[in-house]
Every structure is written in structure tokens, then in C-alpha cells.
């Protein structure tokens, strides 16, 4: 082979090599493998500015992707269980929109001290037993405003038949703070197969937020008779405290701390049959024989 061709071939190969080196120097990304993106995780953040004391709802939170290395300890990762866990939880501090929600920032309904934290200053929590009838068919929810009605039945010989059964409103404008162990609307139900915040069984207890005097009133009322809850409309206005009045104009109650004016309803007010021909008082005679005493009723 002529020397000239050999030299030309060597120069060509050298030029190609130098050209490749120059190309890689200008485009270094072509010489290295593409780096894999940093792993990310989806966490819950505030969807809007949230004040301390807010009971969290699903609409208060949104999802955000963050690199795993940037996620602080205590951040709440997105899952159905995590959302159910903090649904109805109380926020301990103010959060700006987009701020991470940490587990230390919330007090969950089943955490110790949650009930005391949600009570208004100077109030107490008192629970009463309810059933399908006395608890508005199980439709009462935390946050509702209710009146408490006492129904009692006197003994046969204590009063006339028309006044033997009586009902009166003992408390008005009382806030429901818990139904069974559900403290916030939308909180998860412990009943299997029930939707979020929906229980298929009727509640057995309702917890009310009351003043100390009102808690004493409820304790006495429970011993006197049966308590029934009636739900008030959202825009109901609380009236001035004053005494209750019966149908015949007789003033009842009226002590300090009494809620709105109430109407005492007797059996004769409901049934016309009971208001007619009220029987006269039954004659009685007390018989004393030594240390023994008995009462004889003449019918």
C-alpha cells in the first residue's frame, strides 16, 4: 500500500477520534446515563389557612408530592386510613395554606384530653341516654342545637288523672358535642360497613355542652322521668331566660339560670277526654294502731 494512503487513513481516524471527544465535551449528558428522579411521597397539607382549634374536614386538606428526603418526621402520608384518622381531629396551632400537617399538630377524637379541649371555657360535658324515639331517630349529629324535654308520670293517688302525665322543656339551645363516641361530624364510624361518619345503629348516648348549673338540672331531670331531645333549626335565636308557664297560667320554675320560656303540658292539655269530668279527690283516712300507721282509701 502506498505510504500516502496509510498516512491519509491515520489522519482520518485521528480526526474522527478528536471529533468524538470534542462532541462529548460539548454535550456531557450524552456521555453519562440519565439520572433517575428522586423518589417522592404524597403527604397531606393545609388547603387553606386554618386556625387553631379547627375540627378538620376533608375539604381542609389537600395532597402534595414531596421528595422523600424533604419530608419531616411526623408528616401524614396520603391513605384512606390516614384521612379517616384525622377526620374530625382538632388542630393545635395555626397553619398557612400549603403547610404540612404533622401528627403533633392535631389532637384526634380518641386521644386523651380531646373532649376537654373542644369544650368552651366554663362549660361541662354531660351525657344522657337516648333511643330511637328520644334521640330523634338517631339523626342527631355533633354540632346540632337541641332542647331537652322532661316527661314524668305521677303516682295515681298524687294528682288527678288529667295532670298525672306532664312534659316540660328543661333546657334550650344546648349544643351536642358527641353522639356515642363520635365527637365530630364526618368522623369515622366504628360500625362495620357504614359509610364515613354514618352509623347504622341508633345512638345510645348523646353528650351535651352545658353550664355547671345545667349539668345539675339534667342530673335531677334524669331521676324524675324520661328525657327527650328535639333538634332546633340552624338559625334559631336564643330568647331571654324566664319562668315557664302552664296552660292555666300558673307560673312554674323561674329560678336563676332557667332557659327560654317553657310551656308545661299536662295530659288534659293534650286529650280533651282527660279534661272532662275530672274526678273529685278520693277520700282517705289515716289509721294508726300503736306504732303502725296505714292509709285507707275510699273508692
C-alpha atoms as a PDB file:
ATOM      1  CA  UNK A   1       0.000   0.000   0.000  1.00  0.00           C
ATOM      2  CA  UNK A   2       1.410   3.410  -0.857  1.00  0.00           C
ATOM      3  CA  UNK A   3       2.704   5.386   2.094  1.00  0.00           C
ATOM      4  CA  UNK A   4       0.451   8.284   1.139  1.00  0.00           C
ATOM      5  CA  UNK A   5      -2.733   6.167   1.663  1.00  0.00           C
ATOM      6  CA  UNK A   6      -1.515   4.913   5.015  1.00  0.00           C
ATOM      7  CA  UNK A   7      -0.868   8.444   6.224  1.00  0.00           C
ATOM      8  CA  UNK A   8      -4.300   9.567   4.957  1.00  0.00           C
ATOM      9  CA  UNK A   9      -6.023   6.694   6.783  1.00  0.00           C
ATOM     10  CA  UNK A  10      -4.222   7.503  10.039  1.00  0.00           C
ATOM     11  CA  UNK A  11      -5.137  11.173   9.760  1.00  0.00           C
ATOM     12  CA  UNK A  12      -8.797  10.289   9.069  1.00  0.00           C
ATOM     13  CA  UNK A  13      -9.021   8.011  12.081  1.00  0.00           C
ATOM     14  CA  UNK A  14      -7.353  10.628  14.260  1.00  0.00           C
ATOM     15  CA  UNK A  15      -9.762  13.312  13.062  1.00  0.00           C
ATOM     16  CA  UNK A  16     -12.775  11.110  13.828  1.00  0.00           C
ATOM     17  CA  UNK A  17     -11.471  10.401  17.312  1.00  0.00           C
ATOM     18  CA  UNK A  18     -10.817  14.053  18.031  1.00  0.00           C
ATOM     19  CA  UNK A  19     -14.250  14.975  16.706  1.00  0.00           C
ATOM     20  CA  UNK A  20     -15.973  12.495  19.017  1.00  0.00           C
ATOM     21  CA  UNK A  21     -14.029  13.777  22.000  1.00  0.00           C
ATOM     22  CA  UNK A  22     -14.980  17.354  21.148  1.00  0.00           C
ATOM     23  CA  UNK A  23     -18.672  16.411  20.749  1.00  0.00           C
ATOM     24  CA  UNK A  24     -18.762  14.715  24.155  1.00  0.00           C
ATOM     25  CA  UNK A  25     -17.093  17.711  25.750  1.00  0.00           C
ATOM     26  CA  UNK A  26     -19.818  19.991  24.417  1.00  0.00           C
ATOM     27  CA  UNK A  27     -22.655  17.567  25.336  1.00  0.00           C
ATOM     28  CA  UNK A  28     -21.576  15.850  28.584  1.00  0.00           C
ATOM     29  CA  UNK A  29     -25.078  14.476  29.249  1.00  0.00           C
ATOM     30  CA  UNK A  30     -24.671  12.144  26.311  1.00  0.00           C
ATOM     31  CA  UNK A  31     -21.666  10.526  27.949  1.00  0.00           C
ATOM     32  CA  UNK A  32     -23.375   9.632  31.234  1.00  0.00           C
ATOM     33  CA  UNK A  33     -26.501   7.676  31.924  1.00  0.00           C
ATOM     34  CA  UNK A  34     -29.659   9.688  32.691  1.00  0.00           C
ATOM     35  CA  UNK A  35     -30.047  10.019  36.463  1.00  0.00           C
ATOM     36  CA  UNK A  36     -33.234   8.531  37.979  1.00  0.00           C
ATOM     37  CA  UNK A  37     -35.612  11.130  39.529  1.00  0.00           C
ATOM     38  CA  UNK A  38     -35.557  11.409  43.325  1.00  0.00           C
ATOM     39  CA  UNK A  39     -38.264   9.230  44.954  1.00  0.00           C
ATOM     40  CA  UNK A  40     -41.289  11.223  46.091  1.00  0.00           C
ATOM     41  CA  UNK A  41     -44.081  10.663  48.577  1.00  0.00           C
ATOM     42  CA  UNK A  42     -47.563  12.188  48.772  1.00  0.00           C
ATOM     43  CA  UNK A  43     -48.429  13.969  52.014  1.00  0.00           C
ATOM     44  CA  UNK A  44     -51.326  15.994  53.431  1.00  0.00           C
ATOM     45  CA  UNK A  45     -51.071  19.783  53.634  1.00  0.00           C
ATOM     46  CA  UNK A  46     -53.473  22.575  54.590  1.00  0.00           C
ATOM     47  CA  UNK A  47     -55.755  23.508  51.699  1.00  0.00           C
ATOM     48  CA  UNK A  48     -56.362  26.954  53.182  1.00  0.00           C
ATOM     49  CA  UNK A  49     -55.316  28.967  56.249  1.00  0.00           C
ATOM     50  CA  UNK A  50     -56.531  27.018  59.289  1.00  0.00           C
ATOM     51  CA  UNK A  51     -56.999  28.482  62.749  1.00  0.00           C
ATOM     52  CA  UNK A  52     -56.001  26.684  65.921  1.00  0.00           C
ATOM     53  CA  UNK A  53     -58.996  24.782  67.288  1.00  0.00           C
ATOM     54  CA  UNK A  54     -60.379  23.897  63.845  1.00  0.00           C
ATOM     55  CA  UNK A  55     -62.053  20.494  63.654  1.00  0.00           C
ATOM     56  CA  UNK A  56     -60.584  19.151  60.436  1.00  0.00           C
ATOM     57  CA  UNK A  57     -62.741  18.149  57.472  1.00  0.00           C
ATOM     58  CA  UNK A  58     -61.685  16.562  54.202  1.00  0.00           C
ATOM     59  CA  UNK A  59     -62.034  19.925  52.447  1.00  0.00           C
ATOM     60  CA  UNK A  60     -59.487  21.477  54.826  1.00  0.00           C
ATOM     61  CA  UNK A  61     -56.706  19.279  53.420  1.00  0.00           C
ATOM     62  CA  UNK A  62     -55.133  18.613  50.040  1.00  0.00           C
ATOM     63  CA  UNK A  63     -52.376  16.358  48.717  1.00  0.00           C
ATOM     64  CA  UNK A  64     -48.836  17.363  47.774  1.00  0.00           C
ATOM     65  CA  UNK A  65     -45.873  15.404  46.377  1.00  0.00           C
ATOM     66  CA  UNK A  66     -42.513  15.924  48.087  1.00  0.00           C
ATOM     67  CA  UNK A  67     -39.100  14.252  47.765  1.00  0.00           C
ATOM     68  CA  UNK A  68     -38.733  11.627  50.452  1.00  0.00           C
ATOM     69  CA  UNK A  69     -35.607  13.332  51.772  1.00  0.00           C
ATOM     70  CA  UNK A  70     -37.554  16.568  52.387  1.00  0.00           C
ATOM     71  CA  UNK A  71     -40.457  15.017  54.300  1.00  0.00           C
ATOM     72  CA  UNK A  72     -40.088  15.734  58.045  1.00  0.00           C
ATOM     73  CA  UNK A  73     -40.807  13.198  60.736  1.00  0.00           C
ATOM     74  CA  UNK A  74     -44.482  13.120  61.692  1.00  0.00           C
ATOM     75  CA  UNK A  75     -45.808  14.122  58.266  1.00  0.00           C
ATOM     76  CA  UNK A  76     -49.063  12.370  57.361  1.00  0.00           C
ATOM     77  CA  UNK A  77     -48.798  10.351  54.168  1.00  0.00           C
ATOM     78  CA  UNK A  78     -51.881  10.043  51.989  1.00  0.00           C
ATOM     79  CA  UNK A  79     -54.074   6.985  52.515  1.00  0.00           C
ATOM     80  CA  UNK A  80     -57.698   6.293  53.340  1.00  0.00           C
ATOM     81  CA  UNK A  81     -56.708   5.208  56.848  1.00  0.00           C
ATOM     82  CA  UNK A  82     -54.734   8.404  57.403  1.00  0.00           C
ATOM     83  CA  UNK A  83     -57.624  10.606  56.254  1.00  0.00           C
ATOM     84  CA  UNK A  84     -60.055   8.713  58.472  1.00  0.00           C
ATOM     85  CA  UNK A  85     -57.660   9.049  61.393  1.00  0.00           C
ATOM     86  CA  UNK A  86     -57.543  12.850  61.341  1.00  0.00           C
ATOM     87  CA  UNK A  87     -61.092  13.484  60.141  1.00  0.00           C
ATOM     88  CA  UNK A  88     -62.667  15.437  62.990  1.00  0.00           C
ATOM     89  CA  UNK A  89     -59.324  15.975  64.745  1.00  0.00           C
ATOM     90  CA  UNK A  90     -58.670  19.345  66.375  1.00  0.00           C
ATOM     91  CA  UNK A  91     -55.827  21.495  65.084  1.00  0.00           C
ATOM     92  CA  UNK A  92     -53.441  22.560  67.851  1.00  0.00           C
ATOM     93  CA  UNK A  93     -51.834  25.524  66.020  1.00  0.00           C
ATOM     94  CA  UNK A  94     -52.377  27.900  63.104  1.00  0.00           C
ATOM     95  CA  UNK A  95     -51.393  26.589  59.652  1.00  0.00           C
ATOM     96  CA  UNK A  96     -50.858  28.600  56.480  1.00  0.00           C
ATOM     97  CA  UNK A  97     -52.206  27.260  53.195  1.00  0.00           C
ATOM     98  CA  UNK A  98     -49.818  24.611  51.887  1.00  0.00           C
ATOM     99  CA  UNK A  99     -48.228  23.929  55.271  1.00  0.00           C
ATOM    100  CA  UNK A 100     -47.540  20.321  56.150  1.00  0.00           C
ATOM    101  CA  UNK A 101     -49.937  18.765  58.657  1.00  0.00           C
ATOM    102  CA  UNK A 102     -47.871  16.888  61.234  1.00  0.00           C
ATOM    103  CA  UNK A 103     -49.210  14.346  63.700  1.00  0.00           C
ATOM    104  CA  UNK A 104     -48.068  16.601  66.534  1.00  0.00           C
ATOM    105  CA  UNK A 105     -50.285  19.376  65.120  1.00  0.00           C
ATOM    106  CA  UNK A 106     -53.569  17.519  65.683  1.00  0.00           C
ATOM    107  CA  UNK A 107     -55.486  16.094  68.614  1.00  0.00           C
ATOM    108  CA  UNK A 108     -57.553  13.155  67.430  1.00  0.00           C
ATOM    109  CA  UNK A 109     -61.035  12.356  68.778  1.00  0.00           C
ATOM    110  CA  UNK A 110     -59.790   9.287  70.622  1.00  0.00           C
ATOM    111  CA  UNK A 111     -56.722  10.994  72.093  1.00  0.00           C
ATOM    112  CA  UNK A 112     -56.681  11.657  75.801  1.00  0.00           C
ATOM    113  CA  UNK A 113     -57.899  15.158  76.620  1.00  0.00           C
ATOM    114  CA  UNK A 114     -59.696  15.716  73.302  1.00  0.00           C
ATOM    115  CA  UNK A 115     -63.135  16.219  74.848  1.00  0.00           C
ATOM    116  CA  UNK A 116     -61.802  18.713  77.394  1.00  0.00           C
ATOM    117  CA  UNK A 117     -60.018  20.574  74.597  1.00  0.00           C
ATOM    118  CA  UNK A 118     -63.153  21.075  72.481  1.00  0.00           C
ATOM    119  CA  UNK A 119     -65.318  22.317  75.367  1.00  0.00           C
ATOM    120  CA  UNK A 120     -65.959  26.046  75.534  1.00  0.00           C
ATOM    121  CA  UNK A 121     -64.442  27.774  78.592  1.00  0.00           C
ATOM    122  CA  UNK A 122     -66.621  27.487  81.679  1.00  0.00           C
ATOM    123  CA  UNK A 123     -68.740  24.631  80.318  1.00  0.00           C
ATOM    124  CA  UNK A 124     -69.096  20.956  81.151  1.00  0.00           C
ATOM    125  CA  UNK A 125     -69.856  17.796  79.193  1.00  0.00           C
ATOM    126  CA  UNK A 126     -72.776  15.669  80.352  1.00  0.00           C
ATOM    127  CA  UNK A 127     -74.163  12.549  78.669  1.00  0.00           C
ATOM    128  CA  UNK A 128     -77.750  11.322  78.618  1.00  0.00           C
ATOM    129  CA  UNK A 129     -79.144   8.027  77.425  1.00  0.00           C
ATOM    130  CA  UNK A 130     -81.287   8.062  74.284  1.00  0.00           C
ATOM    131  CA  UNK A 131     -83.032   5.631  71.983  1.00  0.00           C
ATOM    132  CA  UNK A 132     -84.698   5.820  68.570  1.00  0.00           C
ATOM    133  CA  UNK A 133     -87.590   7.906  69.946  1.00  0.00           C
ATOM    134  CA  UNK A 134     -85.889  10.176  72.451  1.00  0.00           C
ATOM    135  CA  UNK A 135     -82.870  10.768  70.189  1.00  0.00           C
ATOM    136  CA  UNK A 136     -84.666  11.963  67.020  1.00  0.00           C
ATOM    137  CA  UNK A 137     -84.421   8.565  65.311  1.00  0.00           C
ATOM    138  CA  UNK A 138     -80.639   8.620  65.520  1.00  0.00           C
ATOM    139  CA  UNK A 139     -80.389  11.667  63.230  1.00  0.00           C
ATOM    140  CA  UNK A 140     -78.781  13.952  65.812  1.00  0.00           C
ATOM    141  CA  UNK A 141     -75.159  14.784  64.982  1.00  0.00           C
ATOM    142  CA  UNK A 142     -72.334  16.587  66.790  1.00  0.00           C
ATOM    143  CA  UNK A 143     -72.790  20.330  66.405  1.00  0.00           C
ATOM    144  CA  UNK A 144     -76.599  20.240  66.410  1.00  0.00           C
ATOM    145  CA  UNK A 145     -78.532  22.516  68.783  1.00  0.00           C
ATOM    146  CA  UNK A 146     -81.238  20.796  70.821  1.00  0.00           C
ATOM    147  CA  UNK A 147     -83.824  21.341  73.530  1.00  0.00           C
ATOM    148  CA  UNK A 148     -84.179  18.876  76.402  1.00  0.00           C
ATOM    149  CA  UNK A 149     -87.735  17.858  77.319  1.00  0.00           C
ATOM    150  CA  UNK A 150     -88.618  16.089  80.561  1.00  0.00           C
ATOM    151  CA  UNK A 151     -91.664  13.812  80.660  1.00  0.00           C
ATOM    152  CA  UNK A 152     -92.757  12.435  84.013  1.00  0.00           C
ATOM    153  CA  UNK A 153     -95.714  10.466  85.312  1.00  0.00           C
ATOM    154  CA  UNK A 154     -97.020  10.960  88.836  1.00  0.00           C
ATOM    155  CA  UNK A 155     -98.431   8.252  91.028  1.00  0.00           C
ATOM    156  CA  UNK A 156    -102.129   7.566  90.703  1.00  0.00           C
ATOM    157  CA  UNK A 157    -103.023   8.893  94.131  1.00  0.00           C
ATOM    158  CA  UNK A 158    -100.841  12.000  93.928  1.00  0.00           C
ATOM    159  CA  UNK A 159    -102.908  14.002  91.434  1.00  0.00           C
ATOM    160  CA  UNK A 160    -105.933  13.932  89.166  1.00  0.00           C
ATOM    161  CA  UNK A 161    -105.853  11.847  86.003  1.00  0.00           C
ATOM    162  CA  UNK A 162    -105.615  14.930  83.782  1.00  0.00           C
ATOM    163  CA  UNK A 163    -102.397  16.048  85.476  1.00  0.00           C
ATOM    164  CA  UNK A 164    -100.816  12.652  86.006  1.00  0.00           C
ATOM    165  CA  UNK A 165     -98.549  12.916  82.920  1.00  0.00           C
ATOM    166  CA  UNK A 166     -96.673  16.161  82.296  1.00  0.00           C
ATOM    167  CA  UNK A 167     -93.951  17.348  79.910  1.00  0.00           C
ATOM    168  CA  UNK A 168     -91.810  20.473  80.060  1.00  0.00           C
ATOM    169  CA  UNK A 169     -88.712  21.854  78.383  1.00  0.00           C
ATOM    170  CA  UNK A 170     -85.977  21.978  80.992  1.00  0.00           C
ATOM    171  CA  UNK A 171     -83.106  23.232  78.775  1.00  0.00           C
ATOM    172  CA  UNK A 172     -82.963  25.025  75.443  1.00  0.00           C
ATOM    173  CA  UNK A 173     -80.270  25.876  72.884  1.00  0.00           C
ATOM    174  CA  UNK A 174     -77.891  23.156  74.042  1.00  0.00           C
ATOM    175  CA  UNK A 175     -75.039  22.131  71.733  1.00  0.00           C
ATOM    176  CA  UNK A 176     -74.421  18.460  71.027  1.00  0.00           C
ATOM    177  CA  UNK A 177     -70.693  17.736  71.178  1.00  0.00           C
ATOM    178  CA  UNK A 178     -70.738  13.942  70.805  1.00  0.00           C
ATOM    179  CA  UNK A 179     -73.011  11.094  69.769  1.00  0.00           C
ATOM    180  CA  UNK A 180     -71.808   7.888  71.395  1.00  0.00           C
ATOM    181  CA  UNK A 181     -68.030   8.212  70.798  1.00  0.00           C
ATOM    182  CA  UNK A 182     -68.317  10.293  67.628  1.00  0.00           C
ATOM    183  CA  UNK A 183     -67.257  13.825  68.519  1.00  0.00           C
ATOM    184  CA  UNK A 184     -67.166  15.484  65.095  1.00  0.00           C
ATOM    185  CA  UNK A 185     -69.354  15.262  62.008  1.00  0.00           C
ATOM    186  CA  UNK A 186     -67.666  13.106  59.410  1.00  0.00           C
ATOM    187  CA  UNK A 187     -65.571  11.234  61.956  1.00  0.00           C
ATOM    188  CA  UNK A 188     -65.195   7.534  61.160  1.00  0.00           C
ATOM    189  CA  UNK A 189     -67.866   5.201  62.455  1.00  0.00           C
ATOM    190  CA  UNK A 190     -66.981   2.088  64.405  1.00  0.00           C
ATOM    191  CA  UNK A 191     -69.858   0.210  62.801  1.00  0.00           C
ATOM    192  CA  UNK A 192     -68.739  -2.212  60.052  1.00  0.00           C
ATOM    193  CA  UNK A 193     -69.836  -1.461  56.504  1.00  0.00           C
ATOM    194  CA  UNK A 194     -71.078   2.006  57.439  1.00  0.00           C
ATOM    195  CA  UNK A 195     -70.079   4.927  55.276  1.00  0.00           C
ATOM    196  CA  UNK A 196     -67.815   7.663  56.623  1.00  0.00           C
ATOM    197  CA  UNK A 197     -69.457   9.280  59.619  1.00  0.00           C
ATOM    198  CA  UNK A 198     -72.644   7.209  59.228  1.00  0.00           C
ATOM    199  CA  UNK A 199     -73.674   4.681  61.819  1.00  0.00           C
ATOM    200  CA  UNK A 200     -76.355   2.139  61.029  1.00  0.00           C
ATOM    201  CA  UNK A 201     -77.296   1.644  64.658  1.00  0.00           C
ATOM    202  CA  UNK A 202     -79.179   4.150  66.767  1.00  0.00           C
ATOM    203  CA  UNK A 203     -77.034   6.037  69.253  1.00  0.00           C
ATOM    204  CA  UNK A 204     -77.355   5.105  72.910  1.00  0.00           C
ATOM    205  CA  UNK A 205     -75.813   8.253  74.406  1.00  0.00           C
ATOM    206  CA  UNK A 206     -75.625  11.918  73.472  1.00  0.00           C
ATOM    207  CA  UNK A 207     -73.123  14.251  75.134  1.00  0.00           C
ATOM    208  CA  UNK A 208     -74.154  17.875  75.627  1.00  0.00           C
ATOM    209  CA  UNK A 209     -72.157  21.025  76.340  1.00  0.00           C
ATOM    210  CA  UNK A 210     -73.755  22.733  79.337  1.00  0.00           C
ATOM    211  CA  UNK A 211     -73.016  25.089  82.184  1.00  0.00           C
ATOM    212  CA  UNK A 212     -72.379  23.649  85.664  1.00  0.00           C
ATOM    213  CA  UNK A 213     -75.919  24.611  86.750  1.00  0.00           C
ATOM    214  CA  UNK A 214     -77.407  22.988  83.656  1.00  0.00           C
ATOM    215  CA  UNK A 215     -75.500  19.771  84.330  1.00  0.00           C
ATOM    216  CA  UNK A 216     -77.113  19.634  87.777  1.00  0.00           C
ATOM    217  CA  UNK A 217     -80.519  20.239  86.205  1.00  0.00           C
ATOM    218  CA  UNK A 218     -80.011  17.318  83.821  1.00  0.00           C
ATOM    219  CA  UNK A 219     -78.906  15.032  86.662  1.00  0.00           C
ATOM    220  CA  UNK A 220     -82.113  15.778  88.553  1.00  0.00           C
ATOM    221  CA  UNK A 221     -84.298  15.545  85.443  1.00  0.00           C
ATOM    222  CA  UNK A 222     -82.975  12.065  84.648  1.00  0.00           C
ATOM    223  CA  UNK A 223     -84.145  10.880  88.061  1.00  0.00           C
ATOM    224  CA  UNK A 224     -87.559  12.484  87.648  1.00  0.00           C
ATOM    225  CA  UNK A 225     -88.544  10.958  84.331  1.00  0.00           C
ATOM    226  CA  UNK A 226     -87.703  10.456  80.683  1.00  0.00           C
ATOM    227  CA  UNK A 227     -85.591  12.919  78.701  1.00  0.00           C
ATOM    228  CA  UNK A 228     -86.218  13.622  75.017  1.00  0.00           C
ATOM    229  CA  UNK A 229     -84.098  15.702  72.637  1.00  0.00           C
ATOM    230  CA  UNK A 230     -85.650  17.932  69.992  1.00  0.00           C
ATOM    231  CA  UNK A 231     -83.463  19.464  67.275  1.00  0.00           C
ATOM    232  CA  UNK A 232     -83.654  23.214  66.750  1.00  0.00           C
ATOM    233  CA  UNK A 233     -83.235  24.896  63.333  1.00  0.00           C
ATOM    234  CA  UNK A 234     -79.818  26.275  62.487  1.00  0.00           C
ATOM    235  CA  UNK A 235     -80.980  29.906  62.604  1.00  0.00           C
ATOM    236  CA  UNK A 236     -82.848  29.558  65.920  1.00  0.00           C
ATOM    237  CA  UNK A 237     -82.286  32.509  68.224  1.00  0.00           C
ATOM    238  CA  UNK A 238     -81.975  32.123  71.961  1.00  0.00           C
ATOM    239  CA  UNK A 239     -84.551  34.111  73.905  1.00  0.00           C
ATOM    240  CA  UNK A 240     -84.315  35.648  77.381  1.00  0.00           C
ATOM    241  CA  UNK A 241     -84.336  33.395  80.425  1.00  0.00           C
ATOM    242  CA  UNK A 242     -87.633  33.443  82.263  1.00  0.00           C
ATOM    243  CA  UNK A 243     -90.063  31.221  84.076  1.00  0.00           C
ATOM    244  CA  UNK A 244     -92.148  28.563  82.418  1.00  0.00           C
ATOM    245  CA  UNK A 245     -95.914  28.934  82.271  1.00  0.00           C
ATOM    246  CA  UNK A 246     -98.526  26.203  82.294  1.00  0.00           C
ATOM    247  CA  UNK A 247    -101.651  26.204  80.166  1.00  0.00           C
ATOM    248  CA  UNK A 248    -103.758  27.544  83.005  1.00  0.00           C
ATOM    249  CA  UNK A 249    -101.423  30.499  83.591  1.00  0.00           C
ATOM    250  CA  UNK A 250     -99.700  29.045  86.646  1.00  0.00           C
ATOM    251  CA  UNK A 251     -96.049  30.106  86.857  1.00  0.00           C
ATOM    252  CA  UNK A 252     -93.608  27.264  87.254  1.00  0.00           C
ATOM    253  CA  UNK A 253     -89.858  27.365  87.645  1.00  0.00           C
ATOM    254  CA  UNK A 254     -88.315  30.745  87.023  1.00  0.00           C
ATOM    255  CA  UNK A 255     -85.229  30.205  89.151  1.00  0.00           C
ATOM    256  CA  UNK A 256     -81.902  31.719  88.182  1.00  0.00           C
ATOM    257  CA  UNK A 257     -80.368  30.050  85.134  1.00  0.00           C
ATOM    258  CA  UNK A 258     -83.655  28.922  83.659  1.00  0.00           C
ATOM    259  CA  UNK A 259     -83.519  28.923  79.822  1.00  0.00           C
ATOM    260  CA  UNK A 260     -86.169  30.254  77.447  1.00  0.00           C
ATOM    261  CA  UNK A 261     -89.797  30.489  78.490  1.00  0.00           C
ATOM    262  CA  UNK A 262     -91.228  26.993  78.515  1.00  0.00           C
ATOM    263  CA  UNK A 263     -94.739  25.626  78.460  1.00  0.00           C
ATOM    264  CA  UNK A 264     -95.692  22.872  80.865  1.00  0.00           C
ATOM    265  CA  UNK A 265     -98.078  20.494  79.112  1.00  0.00           C
ATOM    266  CA  UNK A 266    -100.349  18.190  81.126  1.00  0.00           C
ATOM    267  CA  UNK A 267    -102.276  15.204  79.871  1.00  0.00           C
ATOM    268  CA  UNK A 268    -105.511  17.193  79.998  1.00  0.00           C
ATOM    269  CA  UNK A 269    -103.968  19.793  77.651  1.00  0.00           C
ATOM    270  CA  UNK A 270    -103.433  17.128  75.003  1.00  0.00           C
ATOM    271  CA  UNK A 271    -106.503  14.941  75.442  1.00  0.00           C
ATOM    272  CA  UNK A 272    -109.928  16.540  75.705  1.00  0.00           C
ATOM    273  CA  UNK A 273    -111.218  13.332  77.268  1.00  0.00           C
ATOM    274  CA  UNK A 274    -108.954  13.816  80.271  1.00  0.00           C
ATOM    275  CA  UNK A 275    -110.087  17.425  80.753  1.00  0.00           C
ATOM    276  CA  UNK A 276    -113.753  16.468  81.094  1.00  0.00           C
ATOM    277  CA  UNK A 277    -115.410  15.356  84.293  1.00  0.00           C
ATOM    278  CA  UNK A 278    -112.261  15.348  86.358  1.00  0.00           C
ATOM    279  CA  UNK A 279    -112.892  13.067  89.313  1.00  0.00           C
ATOM    280  CA  UNK A 280    -113.051  14.631  92.735  1.00  0.00           C
ATOM    281  CA  UNK A 281    -110.385  13.929  95.268  1.00  0.00           C
ATOM    282  CA  UNK A 282    -110.562  10.403  96.639  1.00  0.00           C
ATOM    283  CA  UNK A 283    -111.453  10.345 100.358  1.00  0.00           C
ATOM    284  CA  UNK A 284    -108.680   8.949 102.515  1.00  0.00           C
ATOM    285  CA  UNK A 285    -108.341   8.078 106.194  1.00  0.00           C
ATOM    286  CA  UNK A 286    -105.114   7.503 108.089  1.00  0.00           C
ATOM    287  CA  UNK A 287    -105.387   4.686 110.653  1.00  0.00           C
ATOM    288  CA  UNK A 288    -102.835   4.496 113.469  1.00  0.00           C
ATOM    289  CA  UNK A 289    -102.591   1.351 115.555  1.00  0.00           C
ATOM    290  CA  UNK A 290     -99.844   1.706 118.116  1.00  0.00           C
ATOM    291  CA  UNK A 291     -96.559   2.107 116.269  1.00  0.00           C
ATOM    292  CA  UNK A 292     -98.122   1.111 112.945  1.00  0.00           C
ATOM    293  CA  UNK A 293     -99.805   3.543 110.576  1.00  0.00           C
ATOM    294  CA  UNK A 294    -101.766   2.806 107.401  1.00  0.00           C
ATOM    295  CA  UNK A 295    -103.895   4.722 104.923  1.00  0.00           C
ATOM    296  CA  UNK A 296    -107.359   3.640 103.868  1.00  0.00           C
ATOM    297  CA  UNK A 297    -108.734   4.925 100.553  1.00  0.00           C
ATOM    298  CA  UNK A 298    -112.490   5.052  99.993  1.00  0.00           C
ATOM    299  CA  UNK A 299    -113.436   4.479  96.376  1.00  0.00           C
END
